[in-house]
Amino acid sequence: MTNWQATRPTSDQARAWARVRANLRESAGARLFDQWLKPMELIEGDEPDTVRLALPSAFATNWVRSHYADRLHLEFKAVLPEVRSVVIETRAPSRTARLTSADTLDVVTPLRAVAAPRVEEAAPSAEQPSLFAVPAEPVAAPPAPSRARAPRAAPAAAPHPVAQEAAPATTAAPAIRVTSDRPPLDPRLTFDRFVVDSSNRVAFNAALSLAEPGPPRFSPLFLHGGTGQGKTHLMHAIAHAFLESHPEAVVLCMSAERFMFDFVAAMRARDTHSFKSRLRSADLLLIDDLQFIAGKDSTQEEFFHTVNELVGAGKRLVISADRSPQSLDGVEPRIIGRLGAGLVADIKAPDLTLRRTILNRKVADLPENVPNDVLDLLASRIRGNIRELEGALNRVVAYAQLTGDKIDLEFAVATLGEVLRGAQRRITIDEIQKLVSRHFELKPLDLVSARRARAIARPRQIAMYLAKRLTTRSLPEIGRKFGGRDHSTVIYAVRKIEELRDTDRDIDNAVRVLMKELEG
């Protein structure tokens, strides 16, 4: 247990605590307040900008951290602007200085709350991420692992006080510092790590422009594209750049589902004013996956007014979805019109060149050496989205580290067998033979003939190499399709082309062109 100083907090913090308690009692309800929040005590700390709160058990401490960390910080911040963090700890009852009843006599009209206690919406799953693509944590909230799960059901569903006695609390919960100065952003998702080409250049430049200092040239920015195409990366990059140029700015990042959950929680707590104040105080608001509010009339009503307030105040607003505003079924026309009044930028599926460039960037950060032919395999076969592409690369590297095997083409195919089969467009050996024949100005029959002239043998080897790379046919099957040749001939052809790609630029360019055309 931590040894506490048995002295009273400063008078400013004591008065602030009285107001905060009054606000919490009003918004949370008497039952929840008495069971969970009333036992909290304010104690003296060493830092004037830090508020220290203590609870009698580790179980209660963890519950309050999970459900009220944000709320407590925002409530204290509203009363004492100099407060930058709130520390919630487990106390030793005999050593903690309690506030006497006299300390609460100077309670004035409670300040309006800044955030509402969070409650689940009954329909969706309880385990909803509060932010986009990064580990699920509360908006602008502490890094406590317990925040990864959605809060428990509203006040009526709070656990009975007996649960506190039954839970093991032999070890005091470690102190956690709660701040809301910055949202939890993935440090890897910045502008300088975003690979730009024609498929995403407009979206990238728009995001860059919105993050620049000065009045925004447009707002809202609406980003749309398929899953794993880079929308989340750009949203995080905007937040990083904006906070770098505006360190004191309020930035909020959340999914559309989290917006809905928090709004429903505010309605149940009869505290929608706090919800509105929290969102509309943001200098930059980022909302991901807007399509999830389709059909939610009351949520759409509040979302529309939030957009109007932020845009009217000259604030920055970034919204993403998996389709354009006009294609969002179940979303009110006035919301679609408001979003369309800003800048709409789409992110298209990456082509082969972009996928290969992204893999090069990713490999530069890895400890393992990944051969070019493995990278070519991944780029050519996994075309769905960037997230799947990076996941496949990570899987190959992880398996190599765990098994101690060397990464080569055979190892990659064995490791990613089902992934490659699921992502592969059905390319046939006949297609490959026709395309190679046309590229080298030969007849398809030349590739299956017995002729060994270099002008025919080399294109035949390239076709075998492509058949091995781009189809699921076995080596004997490939050999049979090339004039009944033995599987060892196919192995030799594949290895020969792999060697030539490293030394002969013409061969390498020809293979790249053919692969790009085959994948369509």
Protein backbone atom coordinates (compact mmCIF):
# COMPACT_ATOMS: atom_id res chain seq x y z
CA MET A 1 0.00 0.00 0.00
CA THR A 2 1.10 3.55 -0.66
CA ASN A 3 1.80 5.67 2.42
CA TRP A 4 -0.36 8.75 2.26
CA GLN A 5 0.21 12.07 3.99
CA ALA A 6 -2.56 12.55 6.49
CA THR A 7 -3.06 16.20 5.59
CA ARG A 8 -5.93 17.93 3.94
CA PRO A 9 -5.82 18.98 0.29
CA THR A 10 -5.58 22.60 -0.72
CA SER A 11 -8.77 24.63 -0.33
CA ASP A 12 -9.08 25.11 -4.12
CA GLN A 13 -8.96 21.39 -4.76
CA ALA A 14 -11.36 20.74 -1.88
CA ARG A 15 -13.91 23.21 -3.28
CA ALA A 16 -13.44 21.76 -6.75
CA TRP A 17 -13.96 18.26 -5.39
CA ALA A 18 -17.21 19.31 -3.75
CA ARG A 19 -18.49 20.59 -7.09
CA VAL A 20 -17.32 17.52 -8.95
CA ARG A 21 -19.06 15.25 -6.45
CA ALA A 22 -22.28 17.24 -6.83
CA ASN A 23 -22.11 16.94 -10.62
CA LEU A 24 -21.41 13.22 -10.44
CA ARG A 25 -24.30 12.61 -8.04
CA GLU A 26 -26.68 14.49 -10.32
CA SER A 27 -25.64 12.83 -13.58
CA ALA A 28 -24.90 9.27 -12.43
CA GLY A 29 -27.87 8.82 -10.14
CA ALA A 30 -27.96 8.13 -6.42
CA ARG A 31 -27.59 4.34 -6.63
CA LEU A 32 -24.49 4.25 -8.83
CA PHE A 33 -22.96 7.22 -7.01
CA ASP A 34 -23.41 5.67 -3.58
CA GLN A 35 -22.05 2.28 -4.65
CA TRP A 36 -18.97 3.38 -6.61
CA LEU A 37 -18.21 7.09 -6.46
CA LYS A 38 -19.08 8.14 -2.93
CA PRO A 39 -16.19 6.17 -1.33
CA MET A 40 -13.65 8.21 -3.30
CA GLU A 41 -11.59 10.61 -1.21
CA LEU A 42 -9.45 13.54 -2.21
CA ILE A 43 -5.93 13.45 -0.79
CA GLU A 44 -2.97 15.74 -0.93
CA GLY A 45 -0.40 15.26 -3.69
CA ASP A 46 2.98 16.76 -4.41
CA GLU A 47 2.07 18.40 -7.71
CA PRO A 48 -0.28 21.41 -7.78
CA ASP A 49 -1.61 20.51 -11.24
CA THR A 50 -2.40 16.91 -10.23
CA VAL A 51 -5.51 15.75 -8.38
CA ARG A 52 -5.14 12.56 -6.36
CA LEU A 53 -8.17 10.42 -5.59
CA ALA A 54 -8.21 7.26 -3.47
CA LEU A 55 -10.61 4.34 -3.10
CA PRO A 56 -10.72 1.64 -0.42
CA SER A 57 -10.07 -1.41 -2.66
CA ALA A 58 -8.25 -2.35 -5.85
CA PHE A 59 -11.52 -3.67 -7.27
CA ALA A 60 -13.25 -0.32 -6.83
CA THR A 61 -10.20 1.52 -8.13
CA ASN A 62 -10.15 -0.48 -11.35
CA TRP A 63 -13.89 -0.01 -11.85
CA VAL A 64 -13.71 3.77 -11.47
CA ARG A 65 -10.69 3.94 -13.77
CA SER A 66 -12.53 1.93 -16.40
CA HIS A 67 -15.77 3.91 -16.26
CA TYR A 68 -15.01 7.40 -14.93
CA ALA A 69 -11.37 8.29 -15.66
CA ASP A 70 -12.30 10.63 -18.51
CA ARG A 71 -15.20 12.12 -16.65
CA LEU A 72 -13.22 12.92 -13.52
CA HIS A 73 -10.44 14.60 -15.46
CA LEU A 74 -12.86 16.74 -17.48
CA GLU A 75 -14.92 17.67 -14.41
CA PHE A 76 -11.84 18.87 -12.51
CA LYS A 77 -10.56 20.66 -15.62
CA ALA A 78 -13.82 22.58 -15.89
CA VAL A 79 -13.52 23.83 -12.30
CA LEU A 80 -9.73 24.19 -12.07
CA PRO A 81 -8.21 24.85 -15.51
CA GLU A 82 -4.70 24.33 -14.15
CA VAL A 83 -5.43 20.64 -13.47
CA ARG A 84 -3.65 18.52 -16.07
CA SER A 85 -4.02 15.03 -14.66
CA VAL A 86 -5.99 12.93 -12.20
CA VAL A 87 -4.40 10.03 -10.34
CA ILE A 88 -6.72 7.27 -9.11
CA GLU A 89 -5.18 4.96 -6.53
CA THR A 90 -5.98 2.44 -3.82
CA ARG A 91 -5.52 3.72 -0.29
CA ALA A 92 -4.88 2.31 3.13
CA PRO A 93 -8.04 3.45 4.96
CA SER A 94 -6.34 4.30 8.23
CA ARG A 95 -3.80 6.61 6.57
CA THR A 96 -5.98 8.58 4.21
CA ALA A 97 -7.13 12.06 5.12
CA ARG A 98 -10.90 12.22 4.67
CA LEU A 99 -12.83 15.34 3.83
CA THR A 100 -15.16 16.24 6.64
CA SER A 101 -18.74 17.29 6.12
CA ALA A 102 -17.65 20.89 6.69
CA ASP A 103 -15.59 20.69 3.54
CA THR A 104 -18.69 20.29 1.43
CA LEU A 105 -20.77 23.13 2.85
CA ASP A 106 -19.61 25.67 0.30
CA VAL A 107 -21.11 23.81 -2.67
CA VAL A 108 -22.45 26.26 -5.24
CA THR A 109 -24.61 25.55 -8.23
CA PRO A 110 -22.96 22.57 -9.91
CA LEU A 111 -20.99 23.32 -13.03
CA ARG A 112 -22.26 21.68 -16.17
CA ALA A 113 -20.61 18.34 -16.75
CA VAL A 114 -18.09 18.03 -19.51
CA ALA A 115 -18.60 14.35 -20.28
CA ALA A 116 -21.23 11.77 -19.47
CA PRO A 117 -20.75 8.32 -17.95
CA ARG A 118 -20.68 5.82 -20.75
CA VAL A 119 -23.34 3.17 -21.17
CA GLU A 120 -23.81 0.47 -23.75
CA GLU A 121 -26.46 0.57 -26.43
CA ALA A 122 -28.39 -2.65 -26.25
CA ALA A 123 -28.36 -3.54 -29.92
CA PRO A 124 -24.69 -3.63 -30.98
CA SER A 125 -21.96 -5.77 -29.45
CA ALA A 126 -20.60 -4.59 -26.11
CA GLU A 127 -16.99 -4.82 -27.21
CA GLN A 128 -16.85 -1.88 -29.56
CA PRO A 129 -13.61 -0.01 -30.19
CA SER A 130 -13.73 3.59 -29.10
CA LEU A 131 -11.20 4.63 -31.75
CA PHE A 132 -10.36 3.65 -35.31
CA ALA A 133 -7.64 1.01 -36.17
CA VAL A 134 -5.58 1.65 -32.99
CA PRO A 135 -6.03 -0.30 -29.75
CA ALA A 136 -9.47 0.39 -28.34
CA GLU A 137 -9.19 3.09 -25.69
CA PRO A 138 -11.47 5.94 -24.61
CA VAL A 139 -11.43 9.20 -26.47
CA ALA A 140 -8.50 11.27 -25.25
CA ALA A 141 -8.17 8.93 -22.33
CA PRO A 142 -5.59 7.06 -20.25
CA PRO A 143 -3.57 4.12 -21.49
CA ALA A 144 -5.10 1.74 -18.95
CA PRO A 145 -5.67 -1.76 -20.39
CA SER A 146 -9.07 -1.96 -18.75
CA ARG A 147 -10.36 0.74 -21.09
CA ALA A 148 -10.11 -1.65 -24.01
CA ARG A 149 -13.58 -3.00 -23.24
CA ALA A 150 -16.83 -1.08 -23.46
CA PRO A 151 -18.34 0.03 -20.13
CA ARG A 152 -20.81 -2.18 -18.33
CA ALA A 153 -24.53 -1.57 -18.60
CA ALA A 154 -26.02 1.59 -17.08
CA PRO A 155 -26.52 2.41 -13.38
CA ALA A 156 -29.22 -0.19 -12.79
CA ALA A 157 -26.88 -2.94 -13.97
CA ALA A 158 -23.97 -1.91 -11.73
CA PRO A 159 -22.56 -4.78 -9.65
CA HIS A 160 -23.81 -5.16 -6.11
CA PRO A 161 -21.48 -3.78 -3.43
CA VAL A 162 -20.89 -7.32 -2.20
CA ALA A 163 -18.85 -7.87 -5.35
CA GLN A 164 -16.27 -5.51 -3.94
CA GLU A 165 -15.81 -7.71 -0.90
CA ALA A 166 -15.62 -10.93 -2.92
CA ALA A 167 -13.05 -9.67 -5.42
CA PRO A 168 -9.42 -10.30 -4.49
CA ALA A 169 -7.69 -7.09 -3.49
CA THR A 170 -4.54 -8.29 -1.84
CA THR A 171 -2.38 -5.96 -3.91
CA ALA A 172 -3.03 -2.27 -4.30
CA ALA A 173 -3.78 -1.20 -7.88
CA PRO A 174 -0.92 0.80 -9.36
CA ALA A 175 -1.43 4.51 -9.82
CA ILE A 176 -2.49 5.63 -13.25
CA ARG A 177 -2.19 9.14 -14.60
CA VAL A 178 -5.24 10.29 -16.52
CA THR A 179 -4.82 13.06 -19.04
CA SER A 180 -6.81 14.20 -22.03
CA ASP A 181 -4.27 16.48 -23.63
CA ARG A 182 -3.75 14.15 -26.59
CA PRO A 183 -5.70 11.25 -28.09
CA PRO A 184 -4.00 7.86 -28.33
CA LEU A 185 -2.63 7.83 -31.87
CA ASP A 186 -0.50 5.23 -33.61
CA PRO A 187 2.95 6.86 -33.92
CA ARG A 188 3.61 4.93 -37.13
CA LEU A 189 0.68 6.49 -38.99
CA THR A 190 2.17 9.80 -40.11
CA PHE A 191 2.28 11.65 -43.42
CA ASP A 192 5.90 10.79 -44.09
CA ARG A 193 5.14 7.07 -43.89
CA PHE A 194 2.17 7.21 -46.25
CA VAL A 195 3.03 5.92 -49.72
CA VAL A 196 1.49 8.20 -52.34
CA ASP A 197 0.53 7.42 -55.93
CA SER A 198 -2.29 8.25 -58.31
CA SER A 199 -4.81 6.10 -56.41
CA ASN A 200 -4.60 8.20 -53.24
CA ARG A 201 -2.87 11.46 -54.16
CA VAL A 202 -5.98 13.65 -53.92
CA ALA A 203 -6.89 12.26 -50.50
CA PHE A 204 -3.30 12.65 -49.27
CA ASN A 205 -3.01 16.29 -50.41
CA ALA A 206 -6.41 17.10 -48.93
CA ALA A 207 -5.42 15.61 -45.58
CA LEU A 208 -2.12 17.49 -45.65
CA SER A 209 -3.91 20.75 -46.37
CA LEU A 210 -6.44 20.31 -43.57
CA ALA A 211 -3.67 19.71 -41.02
CA GLU A 212 -1.81 22.91 -41.92
CA PRO A 213 -1.87 25.90 -39.53
CA GLY A 214 -4.30 28.71 -40.19
CA PRO A 215 -7.99 28.70 -41.06
CA PRO A 216 -9.04 25.49 -42.81
CA ARG A 217 -9.53 25.82 -46.55
CA PHE A 218 -12.41 23.33 -46.36
CA SER A 219 -14.32 21.37 -43.75
CA PRO A 220 -15.52 18.69 -43.49
CA LEU A 221 -13.08 16.39 -45.29
CA PHE A 222 -14.81 13.17 -46.27
CA LEU A 223 -12.51 10.22 -47.05
CA HIS A 224 -13.97 7.10 -48.58
CA GLY A 225 -12.56 3.84 -49.84
CA GLY A 226 -12.54 0.12 -49.20
CA THR A 227 -11.34 -1.51 -46.01
CA GLY A 228 -7.61 -1.30 -45.44
CA GLN A 229 -6.91 1.28 -48.17
CA GLY A 230 -5.37 3.96 -45.91
CA LYS A 231 -8.25 6.04 -44.52
CA THR A 232 -7.26 5.41 -40.92
CA HIS A 233 -3.62 6.16 -41.72
CA LEU A 234 -4.55 9.57 -43.11
CA MET A 235 -6.83 10.37 -40.18
CA HIS A 236 -4.08 9.60 -37.68
CA ALA A 237 -1.61 11.58 -39.79
CA ILE A 238 -3.92 14.62 -39.74
CA ALA A 239 -4.17 14.42 -35.94
CA HIS A 240 -0.39 14.05 -35.54
CA ALA A 241 0.38 17.03 -37.78
CA PHE A 242 -2.33 19.22 -36.28
CA LEU A 243 -1.18 18.55 -32.73
CA GLU A 244 2.39 19.28 -33.73
CA SER A 245 1.44 22.75 -34.92
CA HIS A 246 -1.27 23.27 -32.26
CA PRO A 247 0.00 21.56 -29.06
CA GLU A 248 -2.85 22.89 -26.92
CA ALA A 249 -5.61 21.94 -29.35
CA VAL A 250 -8.44 19.61 -28.38
CA VAL A 251 -8.49 16.63 -30.75
CA LEU A 252 -11.14 13.91 -30.50
CA CYS A 253 -11.00 10.65 -32.47
CA MET A 254 -13.81 8.11 -32.41
CA SER A 255 -15.72 5.65 -34.50
CA ALA A 256 -19.28 6.39 -35.54
CA GLU A 257 -20.39 3.55 -33.28
CA ARG A 258 -18.65 5.17 -30.30
CA PHE A 259 -20.40 8.43 -31.18
CA MET A 260 -23.69 6.53 -31.06
CA PHE A 261 -22.89 4.73 -27.78
CA ASP A 262 -21.84 7.92 -26.02
CA PHE A 263 -24.90 9.77 -27.26
CA VAL A 264 -27.24 7.02 -26.05
CA ALA A 265 -25.43 6.99 -22.71
CA ALA A 266 -25.88 10.75 -22.41
CA MET A 267 -29.60 10.43 -23.13
CA ARG A 268 -30.00 7.72 -20.51
CA ALA A 269 -28.14 9.84 -18.00
CA ARG A 270 -30.20 12.89 -19.03
CA ASP A 271 -26.96 14.69 -19.71
CA THR A 272 -26.92 15.33 -23.47
CA HIS A 273 -25.66 18.85 -22.83
CA SER A 274 -22.36 17.43 -21.59
CA PHE A 275 -22.07 15.21 -24.66
CA LYS A 276 -22.67 18.14 -26.98
CA SER A 277 -20.22 20.34 -25.10
CA ARG A 278 -17.47 17.73 -25.21
CA LEU A 279 -17.69 17.19 -28.98
CA ARG A 280 -18.27 20.80 -29.93
CA SER A 281 -15.31 21.98 -27.89
CA ALA A 282 -13.00 20.02 -30.20
CA ASP A 283 -10.69 21.92 -32.53
CA LEU A 284 -10.34 18.77 -34.64
CA LEU A 285 -12.92 16.00 -34.63
CA LEU A 286 -12.31 12.75 -36.52
CA ILE A 287 -15.09 10.18 -36.94
CA ASP A 288 -14.43 6.85 -38.64
CA ASP A 289 -16.83 4.43 -40.39
CA LEU A 290 -19.81 6.74 -40.71
CA GLN A 291 -21.83 4.00 -42.42
CA PHE A 292 -22.55 2.49 -39.00
CA ILE A 293 -25.04 5.21 -38.06
CA ALA A 294 -27.28 4.34 -41.00
CA GLY A 295 -30.86 3.96 -39.82
CA LYS A 296 -30.16 5.46 -36.36
CA ASP A 297 -32.46 8.47 -36.53
CA SER A 298 -31.72 10.11 -33.18
CA THR A 299 -27.98 9.61 -33.60
CA GLN A 300 -28.12 11.12 -37.09
CA GLU A 301 -30.02 14.12 -35.73
CA GLU A 302 -27.27 14.82 -33.18
CA PHE A 303 -24.53 14.11 -35.73
CA PHE A 304 -26.04 16.63 -38.13
CA HIS A 305 -26.14 19.36 -35.49
CA THR A 306 -22.57 18.53 -34.40
CA VAL A 307 -21.34 18.89 -37.99
CA ASN A 308 -23.17 22.20 -38.37
CA GLU A 309 -21.78 23.58 -35.12
CA LEU A 310 -18.17 22.62 -35.86
CA VAL A 311 -18.20 23.79 -39.47
CA GLY A 312 -19.99 27.00 -38.52
CA ALA A 313 -17.35 27.68 -35.86
CA GLY A 314 -14.52 27.20 -38.35
CA LYS A 315 -13.38 23.94 -36.71
CA ARG A 316 -11.82 20.99 -38.56
CA LEU A 317 -13.89 17.89 -39.15
CA VAL A 318 -12.73 14.65 -40.82
CA ILE A 319 -15.12 11.80 -41.58
CA SER A 320 -14.48 8.47 -43.25
CA ALA A 321 -16.67 5.73 -44.66
CA ASP A 322 -16.42 2.76 -46.95
CA ARG A 323 -18.40 4.51 -49.69
CA SER A 324 -19.16 8.00 -51.00
CA PRO A 325 -21.77 10.18 -49.25
CA GLN A 326 -24.29 9.64 -52.04
CA SER A 327 -23.96 5.85 -51.62
CA LEU A 328 -24.67 5.83 -47.86
CA ASP A 329 -28.02 4.07 -47.62
CA GLY A 330 -30.08 4.92 -44.57
CA VAL A 331 -28.37 8.27 -43.96
CA GLU A 332 -30.50 11.41 -44.04
CA PRO A 333 -30.25 13.51 -47.23
CA ARG A 334 -29.41 16.65 -45.24
CA ILE A 335 -26.35 14.90 -43.76
CA ILE A 336 -25.26 13.74 -47.20
CA GLY A 337 -25.68 17.29 -48.51
CA ARG A 338 -23.68 18.74 -45.60
CA LEU A 339 -20.84 16.29 -46.13
CA GLY A 340 -20.83 16.94 -49.85
CA ALA A 341 -20.43 20.66 -49.20
CA GLY A 342 -16.90 20.02 -47.97
CA LEU A 343 -14.25 18.08 -49.85
CA VAL A 344 -14.91 14.46 -50.80
CA ALA A 345 -11.80 12.42 -51.64
CA ASP A 346 -11.72 8.74 -52.51
CA ILE A 347 -8.92 6.24 -52.08
CA LYS A 348 -8.84 3.61 -54.79
CA ALA A 349 -7.53 0.07 -54.51
CA PRO A 350 -3.73 -0.02 -54.81
CA ASP A 351 -2.23 -1.32 -58.04
CA LEU A 352 0.71 -3.69 -58.24
CA THR A 353 3.33 -0.94 -58.24
CA LEU A 354 1.92 0.70 -55.12
CA ARG A 355 1.62 -2.61 -53.30
CA ARG A 356 5.23 -3.41 -54.09
CA THR A 357 6.37 0.04 -52.91
CA ILE A 358 4.46 -0.34 -49.66
CA LEU A 359 6.12 -3.69 -49.05
CA ASN A 360 9.54 -2.13 -49.66
CA ARG A 361 8.76 0.51 -47.04
CA LYS A 362 7.53 -2.11 -44.60
CA VAL A 363 10.54 -4.40 -45.10
CA ALA A 364 12.90 -1.54 -44.28
CA ASP A 365 11.56 -1.64 -40.70
CA LEU A 366 11.88 -5.40 -40.28
CA PRO A 367 14.88 -7.25 -38.86
CA GLU A 368 14.57 -10.10 -41.34
CA ASN A 369 15.78 -10.08 -44.94
CA VAL A 370 12.88 -10.77 -47.31
CA PRO A 371 13.91 -11.66 -50.88
CA ASN A 372 12.48 -9.72 -53.81
CA ASP A 373 10.71 -12.73 -55.28
CA VAL A 374 8.76 -13.17 -52.04
CA LEU A 375 7.76 -9.52 -52.09
CA ASP A 376 6.71 -9.89 -55.73
CA LEU A 377 4.61 -12.89 -54.77
CA LEU A 378 2.81 -10.99 -52.01
CA ALA A 379 2.25 -7.89 -54.15
CA SER A 380 0.90 -9.87 -57.08
CA ARG A 381 -1.30 -12.29 -55.21
CA ILE A 382 -2.75 -10.23 -52.35
CA ARG A 383 -4.71 -7.48 -54.05
CA GLY A 384 -7.57 -6.93 -51.60
CA ASN A 385 -6.20 -4.20 -49.34
CA ILE A 386 -3.03 -2.90 -47.72
CA ARG A 387 -3.91 -4.29 -44.30
CA GLU A 388 -4.06 -7.85 -45.65
CA LEU A 389 -0.83 -7.29 -47.55
CA GLU A 390 1.07 -6.13 -44.48
CA GLY A 391 -0.49 -8.91 -42.43
CA ALA A 392 0.79 -11.52 -44.89
CA LEU A 393 4.31 -10.07 -44.75
CA ASN A 394 4.24 -10.02 -40.95
CA ARG A 395 3.09 -13.63 -40.92
CA VAL A 396 5.95 -14.79 -43.14
CA VAL A 397 8.52 -12.97 -41.00
CA ALA A 398 7.00 -14.20 -37.74
CA TYR A 399 6.94 -17.84 -38.91
CA ALA A 400 10.58 -17.58 -40.02
CA GLN A 401 11.58 -16.23 -36.61
CA LEU A 402 9.66 -18.95 -34.79
CA THR A 403 10.90 -21.84 -36.91
CA GLY A 404 14.40 -20.58 -37.68
CA ASP A 405 13.84 -21.25 -41.40
CA LYS A 406 15.20 -19.04 -44.14
CA ILE A 407 12.66 -16.91 -45.96
CA ASP A 408 12.43 -17.89 -49.61
CA LEU A 409 9.70 -18.35 -52.18
CA GLU A 410 8.94 -21.93 -51.18
CA PHE A 411 8.73 -21.00 -47.48
CA ALA A 412 6.38 -18.07 -48.25
CA VAL A 413 4.05 -20.23 -50.34
CA ALA A 414 3.93 -22.92 -47.64
CA THR A 415 3.28 -20.33 -44.90
CA LEU A 416 0.60 -18.41 -46.81
CA GLY A 417 -1.04 -21.27 -48.65
CA GLU A 418 -4.66 -20.54 -47.75
CA VAL A 419 -4.11 -16.77 -47.82
CA LEU A 420 -2.74 -16.92 -51.34
CA ARG A 421 -5.47 -19.25 -52.54
CA GLY A 422 -8.19 -17.03 -51.05
CA ALA A 423 -6.77 -13.84 -52.55
CA GLN A 424 -5.88 -15.23 -55.94
CA ARG A 425 -7.75 -14.44 -59.11
CA ARG A 426 -8.01 -17.64 -61.09
CA ILE A 427 -5.20 -17.32 -63.62
CA THR A 428 -4.77 -20.29 -65.93
CA ILE A 429 -1.64 -21.65 -67.56
CA ASP A 430 -3.33 -21.17 -70.94
CA GLU A 431 -3.69 -17.44 -70.22
CA ILE A 432 -0.02 -17.24 -69.28
CA GLN A 433 1.09 -19.06 -72.42
CA LYS A 434 -1.00 -16.83 -74.67
CA LEU A 435 0.23 -13.63 -73.04
CA VAL A 436 3.91 -14.68 -73.05
CA SER A 437 3.66 -15.74 -76.69
CA ARG A 438 2.17 -12.38 -77.64
CA HIS A 439 4.74 -10.44 -75.62
CA PHE A 440 7.70 -12.20 -77.26
CA GLU A 441 6.01 -12.42 -80.67
CA LEU A 442 5.86 -16.21 -80.73
CA LYS A 443 3.18 -18.75 -81.43
CA PRO A 444 1.62 -20.50 -78.41
CA LEU A 445 2.70 -23.82 -79.91
CA ASP A 446 6.35 -22.73 -79.68
CA LEU A 447 6.17 -22.82 -75.87
CA VAL A 448 5.06 -26.45 -75.80
CA SER A 449 7.33 -27.61 -78.61
CA ALA A 450 10.67 -29.40 -78.23
CA ARG A 451 12.62 -26.53 -79.76
CA ARG A 452 15.50 -25.28 -77.57
CA ALA A 453 16.57 -22.10 -79.35
CA ARG A 454 17.16 -19.32 -76.79
CA ALA A 455 14.53 -17.12 -78.44
CA ILE A 456 11.98 -19.79 -77.48
CA ALA A 457 13.55 -21.43 -74.43
CA ARG A 458 13.79 -18.21 -72.43
CA PRO A 459 10.14 -17.17 -72.94
CA ARG A 460 9.17 -20.77 -72.10
CA GLN A 461 11.09 -20.52 -68.82
CA ILE A 462 9.40 -17.20 -68.04
CA ALA A 463 6.01 -18.78 -68.68
CA MET A 464 6.84 -21.68 -66.36
CA TYR A 465 8.03 -19.22 -63.72
CA LEU A 466 4.77 -17.27 -63.97
CA ALA A 467 2.75 -20.49 -63.84
CA LYS A 468 4.51 -21.44 -60.60
CA ARG A 469 4.05 -17.95 -59.15
CA LEU A 470 0.50 -17.18 -60.22
CA THR A 471 -1.32 -20.51 -60.22
CA THR A 472 -1.90 -23.29 -57.72
CA ARG A 473 -0.85 -25.98 -60.17
CA SER A 474 1.78 -28.47 -59.00
CA LEU A 475 5.16 -28.78 -60.70
CA PRO A 476 4.20 -31.99 -62.58
CA GLU A 477 0.97 -30.35 -63.79
CA ILE A 478 2.90 -27.33 -65.05
CA GLY A 479 5.38 -29.61 -66.81
CA ARG A 480 2.58 -31.48 -68.56
CA LYS A 481 1.08 -28.20 -69.82
CA PHE A 482 4.41 -27.35 -71.44
CA GLY A 483 4.70 -30.31 -73.79
CA GLY A 484 4.87 -33.06 -71.18
CA ARG A 485 8.11 -31.87 -69.58
CA ASP A 486 9.39 -33.28 -66.30
CA HIS A 487 8.86 -31.39 -63.03
CA SER A 488 12.64 -31.00 -62.67
CA THR A 489 12.61 -28.92 -65.86
CA VAL A 490 10.06 -26.61 -64.25
CA ILE A 491 12.20 -26.29 -61.12
CA TYR A 492 15.22 -25.38 -63.23
CA ALA A 493 13.20 -22.80 -65.18
CA VAL A 494 11.89 -21.13 -62.00
CA ARG A 495 15.36 -20.93 -60.43
CA LYS A 496 16.90 -19.65 -63.66
CA ILE A 497 14.41 -16.80 -64.00
CA GLU A 498 14.86 -15.91 -60.31
CA GLU A 499 18.61 -15.58 -60.90
CA LEU A 500 18.19 -13.59 -64.12
CA ARG A 501 15.80 -11.13 -62.48
CA ASP A 502 18.62 -10.09 -60.19
CA THR A 503 21.16 -9.63 -63.00
CA ASP A 504 19.25 -8.96 -66.24
CA ARG A 505 17.13 -5.82 -66.24
CA ASP A 506 15.32 -6.75 -69.47
CA ILE A 507 14.18 -10.08 -68.05
CA ASP A 508 13.06 -8.45 -64.81
CA ASN A 509 11.09 -5.75 -66.66
CA ALA A 510 9.45 -8.34 -68.90
CA VAL A 511 8.35 -10.40 -65.88
CA ARG A 512 6.96 -7.33 -64.14
CA VAL A 513 4.99 -6.25 -67.20
CA LEU A 514 3.56 -9.72 -67.70
CA MET A 515 2.59 -10.09 -64.03
CA LYS A 516 0.88 -6.72 -64.01
CA GLU A 517 -1.12 -7.57 -67.13
CA LEU A 518 -2.08 -11.01 -65.88
CA GLU A 519 -3.46 -9.77 -62.58
CA GLY A 520 -5.64 -7.31 -64.49
